[in-house]
Amino acid sequence: QTFSLITTPAAGLFIGAQSTVRVKDANGQLLAAEVTLDPMTGQATIDVTPSQDYPGGYRGPVLIEVIDTDPAPDYIDEFTGEAVTLSDGTTAYVMRAIFNVAEPGEINVTVSPVTELAVTKLEEAMSAAGSSTYDPQQVADYNAGIGKIFGLQDIVRTSATVVNSSLV
């Protein structure tokens, strides 16, 4: 059973970015081919279909990576209104989100500095415990914990409101 991820990166308004998006399972294996953000919408849709490894469709922790490798502007800084790049063109920049997929269907996902913080903290805890596989309960706990700090019910499924979108 297929699920479709409609991925929206948010650090400001992502329009014109050429970043790619990857989706990985709990073990860090790709679940689908990389896609490029749509430069007009700043989003990417990735369909994760049943595979040889997951004939009934994948369920469990999903890591989404938005990867920028070029020095071209990626988003508009909300404070300055200036175009900002994530990568200097020599080093890739990755912004991530992780969450649990429980059922098929369409899922809207935000990848932001807040979701990156949750992934970073989760991976620090995994490293300290000697683990390399994402645990569904830990994924839920770290997302909820970071969400509580920022006053958000769901850091992955809450769409960011871009305050200066009229300037673009």
C-alpha atoms as a PDB file:
ATOM      1  CA  GLN A   1       0.000   0.000   0.000  1.00  0.00           C
ATOM      2  CA  THR A   2       1.425   3.289  -1.160  1.00  0.00           C
ATOM      3  CA  PHE A   3       1.844   6.507   0.771  1.00  0.00           C
ATOM      4  CA  SER A   4       2.620   9.856  -0.820  1.00  0.00           C
ATOM      5  CA  LEU A   5       4.700  12.450   0.976  1.00  0.00           C
ATOM      6  CA  ILE A   6       4.052  16.053   0.008  1.00  0.00           C
ATOM      7  CA  THR A   7       7.224  17.591   1.382  1.00  0.00           C
ATOM      8  CA  THR A   8       7.522  21.305   2.077  1.00  0.00           C
ATOM      9  CA  PRO A   9      10.837  22.655   3.361  1.00  0.00           C
ATOM     10  CA  ALA A  10      10.519  25.796   5.465  1.00  0.00           C
ATOM     11  CA  ALA A  11      13.258  28.115   6.639  1.00  0.00           C
ATOM     12  CA  GLY A  12      11.504  30.968   4.855  1.00  0.00           C
ATOM     13  CA  LEU A  13       9.727  30.778   1.517  1.00  0.00           C
ATOM     14  CA  PHE A  14      11.376  28.089  -0.697  1.00  0.00           C
ATOM     15  CA  ILE A  15      10.761  29.188  -4.276  1.00  0.00           C
ATOM     16  CA  GLY A  16      13.203  28.522  -7.100  1.00  0.00           C
ATOM     17  CA  ALA A  17      15.293  26.111  -5.025  1.00  0.00           C
ATOM     18  CA  GLN A  18      16.892  23.174  -6.824  1.00  0.00           C
ATOM     19  CA  SER A  19      17.224  21.032  -3.699  1.00  0.00           C
ATOM     20  CA  THR A  20      16.627  17.292  -3.801  1.00  0.00           C
ATOM     21  CA  VAL A  21      14.538  15.240  -1.394  1.00  0.00           C
ATOM     22  CA  ARG A  22      15.322  11.724  -0.147  1.00  0.00           C
ATOM     23  CA  VAL A  23      13.143   9.397   1.925  1.00  0.00           C
ATOM     24  CA  LYS A  24      14.692   6.671   4.101  1.00  0.00           C
ATOM     25  CA  ASP A  25      13.392   3.867   6.299  1.00  0.00           C
ATOM     26  CA  ALA A  26      14.233   3.118   9.958  1.00  0.00           C
ATOM     27  CA  ASN A  27      17.566   1.597   8.888  1.00  0.00           C
ATOM     28  CA  GLY A  28      18.604   4.474   6.633  1.00  0.00           C
ATOM     29  CA  GLN A  29      17.782   2.709   3.346  1.00  0.00           C
ATOM     30  CA  LEU A  30      16.162   4.666   0.507  1.00  0.00           C
ATOM     31  CA  LEU A  31      12.436   4.009   0.154  1.00  0.00           C
ATOM     32  CA  ALA A  32      12.045   5.792  -3.196  1.00  0.00           C
ATOM     33  CA  ALA A  33      14.100   7.592  -5.826  1.00  0.00           C
ATOM     34  CA  GLU A  34      15.289  11.117  -5.035  1.00  0.00           C
ATOM     35  CA  VAL A  35      13.163  13.937  -6.406  1.00  0.00           C
ATOM     36  CA  THR A  36      13.842  17.638  -6.937  1.00  0.00           C
ATOM     37  CA  LEU A  37      11.750  20.365  -5.361  1.00  0.00           C
ATOM     38  CA  ASP A  38       9.303  21.977  -7.756  1.00  0.00           C
ATOM     39  CA  PRO A  39      10.808  25.459  -8.255  1.00  0.00           C
ATOM     40  CA  MET A  40       7.348  27.033  -8.580  1.00  0.00           C
ATOM     41  CA  THR A  41       5.804  25.586  -5.401  1.00  0.00           C
ATOM     42  CA  GLY A  42       8.859  24.796  -3.285  1.00  0.00           C
ATOM     43  CA  GLN A  43       7.431  21.317  -2.661  1.00  0.00           C
ATOM     44  CA  ALA A  44       8.208  17.753  -3.688  1.00  0.00           C
ATOM     45  CA  THR A  45       5.869  14.772  -3.849  1.00  0.00           C
ATOM     46  CA  ILE A  46       7.363  11.340  -3.309  1.00  0.00           C
ATOM     47  CA  ASP A  47       5.356   8.148  -3.690  1.00  0.00           C
ATOM     48  CA  VAL A  48       6.581   5.254  -1.554  1.00  0.00           C
ATOM     49  CA  THR A  49       5.230   2.077  -3.107  1.00  0.00           C
ATOM     50  CA  PRO A  50       5.462  -1.555  -2.017  1.00  0.00           C
ATOM     51  CA  SER A  51       8.863  -3.059  -2.773  1.00  0.00           C
ATOM     52  CA  GLN A  52      10.753  -6.315  -2.464  1.00  0.00           C
ATOM     53  CA  ASP A  53      11.809  -5.326   1.070  1.00  0.00           C
ATOM     54  CA  TYR A  54       8.297  -4.113   1.981  1.00  0.00           C
ATOM     55  CA  PRO A  55       5.798  -6.027  -0.197  1.00  0.00           C
ATOM     56  CA  GLY A  56       2.815  -4.812   1.864  1.00  0.00           C
ATOM     57  CA  GLY A  57       4.071  -1.223   1.877  1.00  0.00           C
ATOM     58  CA  TYR A  58       6.412   0.382   4.396  1.00  0.00           C
ATOM     59  CA  ARG A  59       5.178   1.394   7.845  1.00  0.00           C
ATOM     60  CA  GLY A  60       7.360   2.850  10.560  1.00  0.00           C
ATOM     61  CA  PRO A  61       9.866   5.688  11.002  1.00  0.00           C
ATOM     62  CA  VAL A  62      10.565   7.725   7.860  1.00  0.00           C
ATOM     63  CA  LEU A  63      13.497  10.129   7.567  1.00  0.00           C
ATOM     64  CA  ILE A  64      13.109  12.896   4.985  1.00  0.00           C
ATOM     65  CA  GLU A  65      16.196  14.783   3.849  1.00  0.00           C
ATOM     66  CA  VAL A  66      16.128  18.026   1.865  1.00  0.00           C
ATOM     67  CA  ILE A  67      19.585  18.373   0.323  1.00  0.00           C
ATOM     68  CA  ASP A  68      21.052  21.514  -1.194  1.00  0.00           C
ATOM     69  CA  THR A  69      24.359  21.375  -3.070  1.00  0.00           C
ATOM     70  CA  ASP A  70      24.440  24.562  -5.125  1.00  0.00           C
ATOM     71  CA  PRO A  71      25.197  28.184  -4.148  1.00  0.00           C
ATOM     72  CA  ALA A  72      21.987  29.539  -5.746  1.00  0.00           C
ATOM     73  CA  PRO A  73      19.424  31.094  -3.365  1.00  0.00           C
ATOM     74  CA  ASP A  74      16.973  28.633  -1.823  1.00  0.00           C
ATOM     75  CA  TYR A  75      14.633  30.713   0.286  1.00  0.00           C
ATOM     76  CA  ILE A  76      13.731  34.238   1.328  1.00  0.00           C
ATOM     77  CA  ASP A  77      14.818  35.253   4.841  1.00  0.00           C
ATOM     78  CA  GLU A  78      11.663  36.419   6.623  1.00  0.00           C
ATOM     79  CA  PHE A  79      13.440  39.129   8.595  1.00  0.00           C
ATOM     80  CA  THR A  80      15.655  40.706   5.928  1.00  0.00           C
ATOM     81  CA  GLY A  81      13.691  39.800   2.790  1.00  0.00           C
ATOM     82  CA  GLU A  82      17.005  38.699   1.249  1.00  0.00           C
ATOM     83  CA  ALA A  83      17.557  35.522  -0.759  1.00  0.00           C
ATOM     84  CA  VAL A  84      19.569  32.951   1.201  1.00  0.00           C
ATOM     85  CA  THR A  85      21.376  29.795   0.128  1.00  0.00           C
ATOM     86  CA  LEU A  86      21.720  26.733   2.325  1.00  0.00           C
ATOM     87  CA  SER A  87      24.896  25.479   0.627  1.00  0.00           C
ATOM     88  CA  ASP A  88      28.015  27.316  -0.464  1.00  0.00           C
ATOM     89  CA  GLY A  89      28.257  25.041  -3.499  1.00  0.00           C
ATOM     90  CA  THR A  90      31.168  23.024  -2.128  1.00  0.00           C
ATOM     91  CA  THR A  91      29.486  21.377   0.852  1.00  0.00           C
ATOM     92  CA  ALA A  92      26.008  19.867   0.825  1.00  0.00           C
ATOM     93  CA  TYR A  93      23.531  21.138   3.396  1.00  0.00           C
ATOM     94  CA  VAL A  94      20.874  18.723   4.674  1.00  0.00           C
ATOM     95  CA  MET A  95      17.714  19.658   6.589  1.00  0.00           C
ATOM     96  CA  ARG A  96      15.721  16.700   7.937  1.00  0.00           C
ATOM     97  CA  ALA A  97      12.467  15.572   9.495  1.00  0.00           C
ATOM     98  CA  ILE A  98      11.491  12.199  10.932  1.00  0.00           C
ATOM     99  CA  PHE A  99       8.070  10.807  11.735  1.00  0.00           C
ATOM    100  CA  ASN A 100       6.129   7.544  11.803  1.00  0.00           C
ATOM    101  CA  VAL A 101       4.016   6.374   8.869  1.00  0.00           C
ATOM    102  CA  ALA A 102       1.144   4.207  10.090  1.00  0.00           C
ATOM    103  CA  GLU A 103      -1.174   3.990   7.073  1.00  0.00           C
ATOM    104  CA  PRO A 104      -1.325   4.534   3.328  1.00  0.00           C
ATOM    105  CA  GLY A 105      -2.458   7.789   1.752  1.00  0.00           C
ATOM    106  CA  GLU A 106      -1.308  11.346   1.253  1.00  0.00           C
ATOM    107  CA  ILE A 107       0.791  12.898   4.024  1.00  0.00           C
ATOM    108  CA  ASN A 108       1.825  16.560   4.188  1.00  0.00           C
ATOM    109  CA  VAL A 109       5.241  16.963   5.791  1.00  0.00           C
ATOM    110  CA  THR A 110       7.159  20.085   6.797  1.00  0.00           C
ATOM    111  CA  VAL A 111      10.961  19.924   6.935  1.00  0.00           C
ATOM    112  CA  SER A 112      12.279  22.851   8.968  1.00  0.00           C
ATOM    113  CA  PRO A 113      14.967  23.909  11.432  1.00  0.00           C
ATOM    114  CA  VAL A 114      12.596  22.700  14.182  1.00  0.00           C
ATOM    115  CA  THR A 115      12.304  19.201  12.672  1.00  0.00           C
ATOM    116  CA  GLU A 116      16.080  19.180  12.102  1.00  0.00           C
ATOM    117  CA  LEU A 117      16.554  19.866  15.821  1.00  0.00           C
ATOM    118  CA  ALA A 118      14.370  16.861  16.711  1.00  0.00           C
ATOM    119  CA  VAL A 119      16.351  14.585  14.355  1.00  0.00           C
ATOM    120  CA  THR A 120      19.676  15.870  15.711  1.00  0.00           C
ATOM    121  CA  LYS A 121      18.666  15.285  19.335  1.00  0.00           C
ATOM    122  CA  LEU A 122      17.227  11.847  18.532  1.00  0.00           C
ATOM    123  CA  GLU A 123      20.432  10.811  16.753  1.00  0.00           C
ATOM    124  CA  GLU A 124      22.539  12.071  19.673  1.00  0.00           C
ATOM    125  CA  ALA A 125      20.539   9.823  22.006  1.00  0.00           C
ATOM    126  CA  MET A 126      20.790   6.896  19.580  1.00  0.00           C
ATOM    127  CA  SER A 127      24.560   7.343  19.340  1.00  0.00           C
ATOM    128  CA  ALA A 128      24.913   7.410  23.122  1.00  0.00           C
ATOM    129  CA  ALA A 129      22.883   4.174  23.309  1.00  0.00           C
ATOM    130  CA  GLY A 130      24.853   2.527  20.477  1.00  0.00           C
ATOM    131  CA  SER A 131      21.792   2.289  18.227  1.00  0.00           C
ATOM    132  CA  SER A 132      21.605   2.944  14.487  1.00  0.00           C
ATOM    133  CA  THR A 133      17.931   2.090  13.863  1.00  0.00           C
ATOM    134  CA  TYR A 134      15.161   4.619  14.434  1.00  0.00           C
ATOM    135  CA  ASP A 135      12.675   3.411  17.049  1.00  0.00           C
ATOM    136  CA  PRO A 136       9.033   4.467  16.477  1.00  0.00           C
ATOM    137  CA  GLN A 137       8.435   5.390  20.133  1.00  0.00           C
ATOM    138  CA  GLN A 138      11.623   7.459  20.319  1.00  0.00           C
ATOM    139  CA  VAL A 139      10.704   9.229  17.069  1.00  0.00           C
ATOM    140  CA  ALA A 140       7.310  10.162  18.513  1.00  0.00           C
ATOM    141  CA  ASP A 141       8.828  11.200  21.859  1.00  0.00           C
ATOM    142  CA  TYR A 142      11.518  13.460  20.374  1.00  0.00           C
ATOM    143  CA  ASN A 143       9.103  15.135  17.965  1.00  0.00           C
ATOM    144  CA  ALA A 144       6.631  15.722  20.813  1.00  0.00           C
ATOM    145  CA  GLY A 145       9.377  17.017  23.119  1.00  0.00           C
ATOM    146  CA  ILE A 146      10.740  19.523  20.610  1.00  0.00           C
ATOM    147  CA  GLY A 147       7.167  20.485  19.700  1.00  0.00           C
ATOM    148  CA  LYS A 148       6.398  21.202  23.354  1.00  0.00           C
ATOM    149  CA  ILE A 149       9.393  23.547  23.580  1.00  0.00           C
ATOM    150  CA  PHE A 150       8.094  25.548  20.605  1.00  0.00           C
ATOM    151  CA  GLY A 151       4.397  25.271  21.460  1.00  0.00           C
ATOM    152  CA  LEU A 152       3.557  23.041  18.469  1.00  0.00           C
ATOM    153  CA  GLN A 153       1.252  20.015  18.575  1.00  0.00           C
ATOM    154  CA  ASP A 154       2.951  18.330  15.606  1.00  0.00           C
ATOM    155  CA  ILE A 155       6.259  19.678  14.283  1.00  0.00           C
ATOM    156  CA  VAL A 156       6.179  17.552  11.121  1.00  0.00           C
ATOM    157  CA  ARG A 157       2.604  18.091  10.007  1.00  0.00           C
ATOM    158  CA  THR A 158       2.223  21.730  11.077  1.00  0.00           C
ATOM    159  CA  SER A 159       2.648  23.957   8.038  1.00  0.00           C
ATOM    160  CA  ALA A 160       4.869  26.959   8.574  1.00  0.00           C
ATOM    161  CA  THR A 161       3.301  30.333   7.878  1.00  0.00           C
ATOM    162  CA  VAL A 162       5.668  32.436   5.820  1.00  0.00           C
ATOM    163  CA  VAL A 163       5.141  36.020   6.894  1.00  0.00           C
ATOM    164  CA  ASN A 164       6.747  37.739   3.910  1.00  0.00           C
ATOM    165  CA  SER A 165       5.379  35.675   1.021  1.00  0.00           C
ATOM    166  CA  SER A 166       3.859  38.821  -0.496  1.00  0.00           C
ATOM    167  CA  LEU A 167       7.391  40.207  -0.988  1.00  0.00           C
ATOM    168  CA  VAL A 168       8.318  37.449  -3.407  1.00  0.00           C
END
